[in-house]
C-alpha atoms as a PDB file:
ATOM      1  CA  LEU A   1       0.817 -11.312 -15.410  1.00  0.00           C
ATOM      2  CA  MET A   2       3.830 -11.031 -14.041  1.00  0.00           C
ATOM      3  CA  ASP A   3       7.234 -10.510 -14.193  1.00  0.00           C
ATOM      4  CA  SER A   4       9.628 -14.650 -13.763  1.00  0.00           C
ATOM      5  CA  GLU A   5      12.088 -12.800 -11.611  1.00  0.00           C
ATOM      6  CA  MET A   6      11.369 -10.198  -8.846  1.00  0.00           C
ATOM      7  CA  PRO A   7      13.071  -8.873  -5.182  1.00  0.00           C
ATOM      8  CA  GLU A   8      12.512 -11.215  -2.867  1.00  0.00           C
ATOM      9  CA  VAL A   9      10.120 -14.219  -4.391  1.00  0.00           C
ATOM     10  CA  GLY A  10      10.947 -15.237  -7.649  1.00  0.00           C
ATOM     11  CA  GLY A  11       8.427 -15.972 -10.112  1.00  0.00           C
ATOM     12  CA  MET A  12       8.832 -19.177 -10.189  1.00  0.00           C
ATOM     13  CA  GLU A  13       8.198 -19.341  -6.368  1.00  0.00           C
ATOM     14  CA  SER A  14       5.160 -17.189  -6.599  1.00  0.00           C
ATOM     15  CA  PHE A  15       3.808 -19.209  -9.246  1.00  0.00           C
ATOM     16  CA  GLU A  16       3.818 -22.227  -7.195  1.00  0.00           C
ATOM     17  CA  LYS A  17       2.060 -20.150  -4.254  1.00  0.00           C
ATOM     18  CA  ILE A  18      -0.797 -18.782  -6.812  1.00  0.00           C
ATOM     19  CA  LYS A  19      -1.035 -22.698  -7.456  1.00  0.00           C
ATOM     20  CA  ALA A  20      -0.891 -23.858  -4.715  1.00  0.00           C
ATOM     21  CA  PHE A  21      -3.399 -21.541  -3.495  1.00  0.00           C
ATOM     22  CA  ASP A  22      -5.718 -22.093  -6.453  1.00  0.00           C
ATOM     23  CA  SER A  23      -5.091 -24.318  -8.859  1.00  0.00           C
ATOM     24  CA  ASN A  24      -7.560 -23.109 -11.592  1.00  0.00           C
ATOM     25  CA  ALA A  25      -5.758 -19.456 -11.480  1.00  0.00           C
ATOM     26  CA  LYS A  26      -4.061 -18.254 -15.151  1.00  0.00           C
ATOM     27  CA  VAL A  27      -1.559 -17.527 -14.960  1.00  0.00           C
ATOM     28  CA  VAL A  28       0.923 -15.586 -17.571  1.00  0.00           C
ATOM     29  CA  MET A  29       4.792 -14.437 -16.835  1.00  0.00           C
ATOM     30  CA  ILE A  30       6.660 -12.060 -18.694  1.00  0.00           C
ATOM     31  CA  THR A  31      10.472 -12.435 -19.020  1.00  0.00           C
ATOM     32  CA  GLY A  32      13.946 -10.920 -19.903  1.00  0.00           C
ATOM     33  CA  TYR A  33      14.477 -14.250 -21.111  1.00  0.00           C
ATOM     34  CA  SER A  34      14.115 -17.196 -23.720  1.00  0.00           C
ATOM     35  CA  ASP A  35      10.521 -17.908 -23.541  1.00  0.00           C
ATOM     36  CA  ASN A  36      12.168 -21.286 -23.984  1.00  0.00           C
ATOM     37  CA  ASP A  37      13.936 -21.134 -20.817  1.00  0.00           C
ATOM     38  CA  LYS A  38      14.369 -24.935 -19.533  1.00  0.00           C
ATOM     39  CA  ARG A  39      13.239 -23.519 -15.640  1.00  0.00           C
ATOM     40  CA  PHE A  40      10.261 -22.907 -17.992  1.00  0.00           C
ATOM     41  CA  GLU A  41       9.117 -26.242 -19.116  1.00  0.00           C
ATOM     42  CA  ASN A  42       7.591 -26.892 -15.706  1.00  0.00           C
ATOM     43  CA  ALA A  43       5.852 -24.373 -15.129  1.00  0.00           C
ATOM     44  CA  LEU A  44       3.908 -25.424 -18.315  1.00  0.00           C
ATOM     45  CA  LYS A  45       3.217 -28.200 -16.998  1.00  0.00           C
ATOM     46  CA  ASN A  46       2.225 -27.264 -13.826  1.00  0.00           C
ATOM     47  CA  GLY A  47      -0.424 -24.811 -14.950  1.00  0.00           C
ATOM     48  CA  LEU A  48       0.994 -21.766 -16.849  1.00  0.00           C
ATOM     49  CA  LYS A  49      -0.288 -20.453 -19.262  1.00  0.00           C
ATOM     50  CA  ASP A  50       1.993 -18.526 -21.081  1.00  0.00           C
ATOM     51  CA  ILE A  51       5.863 -16.632 -21.529  1.00  0.00           C
ATOM     52  CA  ILE A  52       5.507 -13.676 -23.538  1.00  0.00           C
ATOM     53  CA  THR A  53       9.220 -11.670 -23.465  1.00  0.00           C
ATOM     54  CA  LYS A  54       9.884  -8.788 -23.062  1.00  0.00           C
ATOM     55  CA  PRO A  55       9.361  -6.971 -24.002  1.00  0.00           C
ATOM     56  CA  VAL A  56       6.088  -6.446 -23.682  1.00  0.00           C
ATOM     57  CA  GLY A  57       3.757  -3.905 -25.811  1.00  0.00           C
ATOM     58  CA  LEU A  58       0.284  -2.518 -24.131  1.00  0.00           C
ATOM     59  CA  ASN A  59      -1.375  -4.325 -27.165  1.00  0.00           C
ATOM     60  CA  GLN A  60       0.553  -7.691 -26.592  1.00  0.00           C
ATOM     61  CA  ILE A  61      -0.695  -7.903 -22.900  1.00  0.00           C
ATOM     62  CA  LEU A  62      -4.363  -7.230 -24.532  1.00  0.00           C
ATOM     63  CA  GLU A  63      -4.109 -10.372 -26.705  1.00  0.00           C
ATOM     64  CA  LEU A  64      -2.843 -12.018 -24.447  1.00  0.00           C
ATOM     65  CA  VAL A  65      -5.612 -11.494 -21.054  1.00  0.00           C
ATOM     66  CA  LYS A  66      -8.640 -12.332 -23.794  1.00  0.00           C
ATOM     67  CA  LYS A  67      -7.064 -14.757 -24.744  1.00  0.00           C
ATOM     68  CA  HIS A  68      -6.607 -16.429 -21.415  1.00  0.00           C
ATOM     69  CA  LEU A  69      -9.641 -15.193 -19.607  1.00  0.00           C
END
């Protein structure tokens, strides 16, 4: 579970590094942008499990964890 915007290393770059390290990693991204933003399309095709838009509630996070674990 990670934010799409982080200091120093962006979310997409971090996602790519995670997948290179472990191709089976289950990554869900939280974003303040629209979940149909074009930049997420490639990541979804390459193993990003889900995208959730802010604000995010605890119940949403729990459901995502249940769904992807």
